[in-house]
Protein backbone atom coordinates (compact mmCIF):
# COMPACT_ATOMS: atom_id res chain seq x y z
CA MET A 1 118.07 142.64 154.48
CA ILE A 2 121.65 143.25 154.06
CA GLU A 3 122.44 143.31 150.27
CA ILE A 4 126.23 143.20 149.12
CA ASP A 5 127.60 143.15 145.60
CA GLY A 6 130.54 140.74 145.88
CA SER A 7 132.51 142.46 143.17
CA MET A 8 133.18 145.52 145.25
CA HIS A 9 136.60 146.57 146.22
CA SER A 10 138.82 143.38 146.06
CA GLY A 11 135.70 141.28 144.97
CA SER A 12 137.57 138.30 146.67
CA GLY A 13 135.81 135.67 148.72
CA THR A 14 136.76 137.25 151.81
CA LEU A 15 133.76 139.47 151.47
CA LEU A 16 131.52 136.82 151.24
CA ARG A 17 132.92 134.84 154.34
CA TYR A 18 132.70 137.85 156.70
CA ALA A 19 129.34 139.28 155.41
CA VAL A 20 128.18 135.73 156.52
CA ALA A 21 129.58 136.17 159.54
CA LEU A 22 128.28 139.52 160.27
CA ALA A 23 125.03 138.28 159.04
CA THR A 24 125.02 135.65 161.27
CA LEU A 25 125.93 137.64 164.61
CA ARG A 26 123.02 140.39 163.58
CA ARG A 27 120.69 137.88 162.87
CA GLN A 28 119.76 139.37 159.70
CA PRO A 29 119.13 137.83 156.41
CA LEU A 30 122.20 138.53 153.83
CA HIS A 31 121.66 138.68 149.70
CA ILE A 32 124.88 138.77 148.03
CA SER A 33 125.25 138.70 144.35
CA ARG A 34 128.31 138.66 141.72
CA ILE A 35 130.25 136.71 144.11
CA ARG A 36 133.84 136.93 143.00
CA SER A 37 132.56 137.94 139.74
CA LYS A 38 136.11 139.34 138.62
CA ARG A 39 137.93 136.34 139.34
CA PRO A 40 139.24 133.76 136.93
CA LYS A 41 137.25 131.08 138.40
CA PRO A 42 133.93 133.33 139.61
CA GLY A 43 131.31 132.33 142.31
CA LEU A 44 131.64 130.12 145.41
CA ARG A 45 134.49 127.74 145.81
CA PRO A 46 134.54 125.16 148.32
CA GLN A 47 136.23 127.19 151.34
CA HIS A 48 133.46 130.02 150.99
CA LEU A 49 130.60 127.28 150.88
CA SER A 50 132.10 125.76 153.98
CA VAL A 51 131.69 128.97 156.07
CA ALA A 52 128.45 129.51 154.66
CA ARG A 53 127.34 126.31 155.75
CA ALA A 54 128.87 126.21 159.09
CA CYS A 55 127.20 129.73 160.04
CA ALA A 56 123.85 128.20 158.76
CA GLU A 57 124.52 125.12 161.09
CA LEU A 58 125.74 127.18 163.91
CA SER A 59 122.48 129.44 164.10
CA GLY A 60 120.07 126.87 162.40
CA GLY A 61 119.83 128.96 159.33
CA THR A 62 118.75 128.45 155.67
CA LEU A 63 120.73 128.89 152.69
CA GLU A 64 119.95 129.38 149.02
CA GLY A 65 122.30 129.12 146.05
CA ALA A 66 124.69 127.57 148.04
CA GLU A 67 126.47 125.51 145.47
CA ALA A 68 130.16 125.53 143.86
CA GLY A 69 130.20 128.08 141.20
CA SER A 70 127.18 130.12 142.26
CA GLN A 71 127.27 134.04 142.07
CA GLU A 72 124.66 134.73 144.08
CA MET A 73 123.28 133.31 147.71
CA LEU A 74 120.69 134.10 150.28
CA PHE A 75 121.45 133.44 153.59
CA ARG A 76 118.82 133.33 156.44
CA PRO A 77 120.25 133.02 159.84
CA GLY A 78 118.26 131.39 162.79
CA PRO A 79 117.33 133.16 166.14
CA SER A 80 120.18 132.02 168.25
CA LEU A 81 123.71 130.87 167.87
CA LYS A 82 124.56 127.20 169.89
CA GLY A 83 127.19 126.23 171.27
CA GLY A 84 128.80 122.81 170.91
CA ASN A 85 131.26 120.83 168.59
CA PHE A 86 131.11 121.38 165.14
CA GLN A 87 133.42 119.37 162.08
CA PHE A 88 133.76 120.87 158.54
CA ASP A 89 135.54 119.35 155.80
CA ILE A 90 136.20 121.91 152.98
CA GLY A 91 137.07 118.76 150.82
CA THR A 92 139.60 120.58 148.91
CA ALA A 93 143.02 122.46 149.69
CA GLY A 94 140.82 125.37 150.36
CA SER A 95 141.73 127.49 153.37
CA ALA A 96 140.96 126.00 156.63
CA THR A 97 142.50 128.81 158.07
CA MET A 98 140.48 131.58 156.56
CA ALA A 99 137.56 129.51 157.58
CA ALA A 100 138.61 129.80 161.33
CA LEU A 101 139.11 133.46 160.87
CA SER A 102 135.34 133.78 159.71
CA LEU A 103 133.96 131.69 162.35
CA ILE A 104 135.44 133.27 165.56
CA PRO A 105 133.43 136.50 165.51
CA PRO A 106 129.84 134.77 165.37
CA ALA A 107 130.88 132.33 168.19
CA LEU A 108 131.82 135.06 170.55
CA SER A 109 128.15 135.54 170.98
CA ALA A 110 127.07 131.89 170.89
CA GLU A 111 125.12 130.57 173.87
CA GLY A 112 127.93 128.30 175.06
CA PRO A 113 131.79 127.42 174.08
CA CYS A 114 132.10 126.44 170.45
CA ARG A 115 134.81 123.82 169.25
CA PHE A 116 135.42 123.72 165.55
CA THR A 117 137.41 121.08 163.81
CA ILE A 118 138.08 122.12 160.10
CA ILE A 119 139.55 119.93 157.47
CA GLY A 120 141.50 121.55 154.58
CA GLY A 121 144.45 123.77 153.60
CA LEU A 122 146.60 125.07 156.90
CA PHE A 123 149.36 126.45 154.34
CA GLN A 124 148.92 127.95 150.96
CA ASP A 125 149.48 131.00 149.03
CA PHE A 126 146.90 134.00 149.47
CA ALA A 127 145.66 132.89 153.05
CA PRO A 128 147.09 133.02 156.37
CA SER A 129 149.12 130.08 157.58
CA PHE A 130 147.99 128.26 160.92
CA PHE A 131 151.33 129.91 162.44
CA HIS A 132 150.30 133.52 161.73
CA LEU A 133 147.07 132.97 163.16
CA GLU A 134 148.13 131.21 166.27
CA ARG A 135 151.34 133.46 166.97
CA VAL A 136 150.28 136.65 165.65
CA LEU A 137 146.57 137.24 165.50
CA VAL A 138 145.44 135.35 168.58
CA PRO A 139 147.89 137.12 170.94
CA ILE A 140 146.22 140.62 170.07
CA LEU A 141 142.90 139.20 170.08
CA ARG A 142 143.68 138.01 173.61
CA THR A 143 143.95 141.70 174.81
CA MET A 144 140.81 142.44 173.23
CA ALA A 145 139.15 139.90 175.49
CA VAL A 146 138.66 137.19 172.67
CA ASN A 147 138.91 133.86 174.32
CA VAL A 148 140.25 131.72 171.97
CA ARG A 149 142.50 128.89 171.41
CA LEU A 150 143.88 127.00 168.04
CA SER A 151 145.64 123.64 167.72
CA MET A 152 147.06 122.09 164.75
CA ILE A 153 146.27 118.34 164.72
CA ARG A 154 147.99 117.82 160.95
CA PRO A 155 149.54 120.01 158.38
CA GLY A 156 147.80 120.38 154.98
CA TYR A 157 149.30 121.80 151.69
CA VAL A 158 147.93 122.29 148.32
CA PRO A 159 146.70 120.11 146.34
CA LYS A 160 145.50 117.37 148.69
CA GLY A 161 144.53 119.17 151.42
CA GLN A 162 143.54 117.22 154.50
CA GLY A 163 145.02 119.46 157.32
CA LYS A 164 143.13 119.42 160.49
CA LEU A 165 142.97 122.14 162.81
CA VAL A 166 140.75 122.89 165.66
CA VAL A 167 139.32 126.31 166.75
CA GLU A 168 137.96 126.96 170.73
CA VAL A 169 135.99 129.79 171.36
CA VAL A 170 134.51 131.03 174.74
CA PRO A 171 131.60 133.31 174.11
CA SER A 172 132.22 137.25 175.25
CA ARG A 173 129.82 139.87 175.83
CA SER A 174 132.13 142.67 175.62
CA LEU A 175 135.34 143.17 173.48
CA LYS A 176 137.81 145.82 174.22
CA PRO A 177 138.84 148.17 171.52
CA LEU A 178 142.33 148.07 169.89
CA ARG A 179 144.93 150.65 170.48
CA LEU A 180 148.37 150.09 168.60
CA ILE A 181 149.74 153.44 167.71
CA ARG A 182 153.52 152.97 168.21
CA GLN A 183 155.71 150.14 167.45
CA GLY A 184 158.00 150.29 170.48
CA ARG A 185 161.29 148.42 170.73
CA ILE A 186 161.40 144.66 169.35
CA ARG A 187 161.59 142.10 172.22
CA ALA A 188 162.09 139.13 170.20
CA ILE A 189 161.80 137.55 166.46
CA ARG A 190 160.78 134.11 166.41
CA GLY A 191 159.52 131.84 163.79
CA ILE A 192 158.78 128.18 162.91
CA ALA A 193 160.02 126.19 159.75
CA ILE A 194 158.11 123.05 158.86
CA ALA A 195 158.28 120.43 156.43
CA SER A 196 156.31 117.24 155.73
CA HIS A 197 158.33 114.15 154.25
CA LEU A 198 161.13 116.39 153.28
CA ASP A 199 163.85 115.97 156.01
CA GLU A 200 166.10 114.32 153.55
CA ARG A 201 166.27 117.58 151.68
CA ARG A 202 166.90 119.63 155.00
CA VAL A 203 164.03 121.78 153.53
CA SER A 204 163.12 123.01 157.14
CA ALA A 205 166.41 123.49 158.18
CA ARG A 206 167.49 125.33 155.16
CA MET A 207 164.55 127.39 155.73
CA ALA A 208 165.17 128.38 158.83
CA GLU A 209 169.14 129.11 158.49
CA ARG A 210 168.55 131.25 155.59
CA CYS A 211 165.84 133.39 157.16
CA GLU A 212 167.86 133.98 160.42
CA GLN A 213 171.07 134.84 158.13
CA ASP A 214 168.67 137.40 156.34
CA LEU A 215 167.53 138.82 159.43
CA SER A 216 170.85 139.07 161.20
CA ARG A 217 172.27 141.15 157.63
CA GLN A 218 169.32 143.44 158.67
CA GLY A 219 170.67 143.88 162.30
CA TYR A 220 167.86 141.63 164.12
CA ASP A 221 168.61 138.31 165.99
CA SER A 222 166.09 135.58 165.52
CA GLY A 223 165.03 132.02 166.89
CA ILE A 224 163.51 129.74 164.28
CA ASP A 225 162.26 126.37 165.36
CA ILE A 226 162.46 123.43 162.84
CA GLN A 227 159.79 121.11 162.42
CA ASP A 228 160.20 117.89 160.41
CA ASP A 229 156.48 116.43 160.24
CA THR A 230 155.59 112.90 158.79
CA THR A 231 151.65 113.17 159.40
CA ALA A 232 150.55 115.17 156.38
CA VAL A 233 149.22 113.37 153.58
CA GLN A 234 151.70 114.81 151.02
CA ARG A 235 154.86 116.56 150.78
CA GLY A 236 154.85 120.49 151.89
CA ALA A 237 156.49 123.38 153.51
CA ALA A 238 156.05 126.44 154.99
CA LEU A 239 157.78 129.39 157.18
CA ALA A 240 156.33 131.89 159.63
CA ILE A 241 158.14 134.42 161.45
CA TRP A 242 156.90 137.03 163.75
CA ALA A 243 157.89 140.17 165.85
CA GLU A 244 156.93 141.22 169.29
CA THR A 245 157.62 144.71 170.58
CA ASP A 246 157.38 146.13 174.16
CA THR A 247 154.13 147.98 173.22
CA GLY A 248 152.52 144.83 172.67
CA CYS A 249 152.51 144.90 168.89
CA PHE A 250 152.93 141.57 166.86
CA LEU A 251 153.92 141.41 163.03
CA GLY A 252 154.48 138.44 161.03
CA ALA A 253 155.34 137.07 157.98
CA ASP A 254 154.87 133.65 156.36
CA GLN A 255 155.01 131.58 153.03
CA ALA A 256 154.22 128.22 152.08
CA GLY A 257 156.28 126.25 149.66
CA LYS A 258 155.34 124.76 146.23
CA PRO A 259 157.15 122.92 143.37
CA GLY A 260 159.96 124.73 141.96
CA ARG A 261 160.01 127.22 145.25
CA ARG A 262 163.48 126.72 146.54
CA ALA A 263 163.70 126.87 150.38
CA GLU A 264 165.91 129.57 150.02
CA ALA A 265 163.63 131.84 148.16
CA ILE A 266 160.82 131.15 150.74
CA ALA A 267 163.50 132.40 153.35
CA ASP A 268 164.30 135.69 151.52
CA HIS A 269 160.69 136.43 150.91
CA VAL A 270 159.73 135.89 154.46
CA ALA A 271 162.36 138.02 155.86
CA LYS A 272 162.08 140.62 153.42
CA SER A 273 158.39 141.17 154.01
CA LEU A 274 158.75 141.12 157.56
CA VAL A 275 161.73 143.93 157.63
CA GLU A 276 159.36 145.93 155.38
CA ASP A 277 156.68 146.12 157.61
CA LEU A 278 158.87 146.65 160.84
CA THR A 279 160.73 149.65 158.99
CA SER A 280 157.88 151.17 158.11
CA GLY A 281 156.99 152.13 161.92
CA ALA A 282 153.74 149.87 161.60
CA CYS A 283 152.05 148.21 164.58
CA THR A 284 150.55 145.53 162.18
CA ASP A 285 151.60 143.49 159.65
CA ARG A 286 150.21 143.68 156.10
CA HIS A 287 148.00 140.93 156.46
CA LEU A 288 146.83 141.51 160.11
CA ALA A 289 145.72 145.14 159.26
CA ASP A 290 142.86 143.75 157.45
CA GLN A 291 142.05 140.63 159.64
CA LEU A 292 141.59 142.91 162.79
CA VAL A 293 138.96 145.06 161.29
CA LEU A 294 136.06 142.65 162.01
CA PHE A 295 137.13 142.39 165.78
CA SER A 296 137.70 146.08 166.12
CA ALA A 297 134.05 146.62 164.71
CA LEU A 298 132.64 144.30 167.32
CA ALA A 299 134.52 145.84 170.13
CA ARG A 300 132.51 148.91 172.32
CA GLY A 301 134.70 151.81 171.65
CA VAL A 302 137.34 153.49 169.31
CA SER A 303 139.92 150.97 168.00
CA GLU A 304 142.82 152.74 166.24
CA TYR A 305 146.31 151.08 164.72
CA ILE A 306 148.83 151.68 162.27
CA VAL A 307 149.43 149.75 159.13
CA PRO A 308 152.35 149.35 156.97
CA ARG A 309 150.32 149.61 153.60
CA VAL A 310 146.78 150.33 152.85
CA THR A 311 145.83 146.99 150.63
CA ASP A 312 142.60 146.21 148.63
CA HIS A 313 141.60 143.69 151.79
CA LEU A 314 141.98 146.41 154.22
CA GLU A 315 139.50 148.75 152.32
CA SER A 316 137.18 145.92 151.68
CA ASN A 317 136.68 144.73 155.19
CA LEU A 318 136.26 148.46 156.29
CA TRP A 319 133.45 149.13 153.65
CA LEU A 320 131.95 145.87 154.78
CA VAL A 321 131.65 146.76 158.14
CA GLU A 322 130.39 150.08 157.57
CA LYS A 323 127.85 148.64 155.50
CA VAL A 324 126.75 145.99 157.47
CA LEU A 325 126.99 147.49 161.09
CA GLY A 326 126.69 150.91 160.09
CA ILE A 327 129.64 152.23 161.97
CA ARG A 328 132.38 154.87 161.07
CA THR A 329 135.64 153.76 160.33
CA GLY A 330 138.95 156.19 159.17
CA LEU A 331 141.83 155.70 157.16
CA ALA A 332 144.05 158.88 157.56
CA GLY A 333 147.34 157.72 155.32
CA ARG A 334 148.32 154.40 157.66
CA HIS A 335 146.32 155.21 160.69
CA VAL A 336 143.03 153.24 160.85
CA THR A 337 140.16 154.32 163.22
CA ILE A 338 136.95 151.77 164.00
CA GLU A 339 134.12 153.15 166.01
CA GLY A 340 133.18 149.65 167.32
CA VAL A 341 129.49 148.91 167.79
CA GLY A 342 130.08 146.16 170.76
CA LEU A 343 129.05 142.90 170.42
């Protein structure tokens, strides 16, 4: 049995989500304790439960202690991973994107293609936006032979959620290792500014215009698309930008709106974050750095990449794959190496 102390390192729900995903892949029971014990609201939240239940359904497994607030859970995955269509409703504005990120790895070893429809939040603080997954993570994963496609059916924001995304994954028996050690020259900086039910205040246009101005002052040309949405169940907004380089690097930055957060403040934050990561010479952004750990661990061979900074989430994910998969990882300054075990 895999034993995980959920309070280790970042102590976040990411440990639970990724541990369940890896246990599903290994067909190995998982006992996780002290789940999010250091958080203001400790224990399982609906977005974490949705991943555990999804992995149980995908594998025909069972769960004990899988309820909101629980700080201990036992997961016994089933003997095989079936393909097919699945739908999961988080029931809150909990991150549908984090759920998607956790379900892609086990789906790579399924018996057939998987299609996940996930309902929840798509744009919020402390989670990747839909656009970051679609425009930054997915292009990198495709270079690793991960066949995945994301579609946004409806945006979703805090507090009501009800966003909807679709994740389609084709199984793969061999992932290629990742090697991103030179940033290279920036080919383009693109972005999307989305606002729902806020067109009278020109929120999307204001975010785009201010962000382009900020980037221009730093010497970067950019083009940001403007989207005014009317399908979301509430008002909301988000801005995402990303840079592509001639060495195959993708770096992004994003932020969601919330009451009292002006469109111009969002633009300033997003532009500043991307410029900081680019000027560090990194080959990933600060969030992509930890998102790539699981996929690199599942590739056959050594992956290596340069990160802009070492975060708690990066250290947590490196620790987790070492513990669950028995692989070796390295962190020399900002240079990450991961000796993948293969799917």
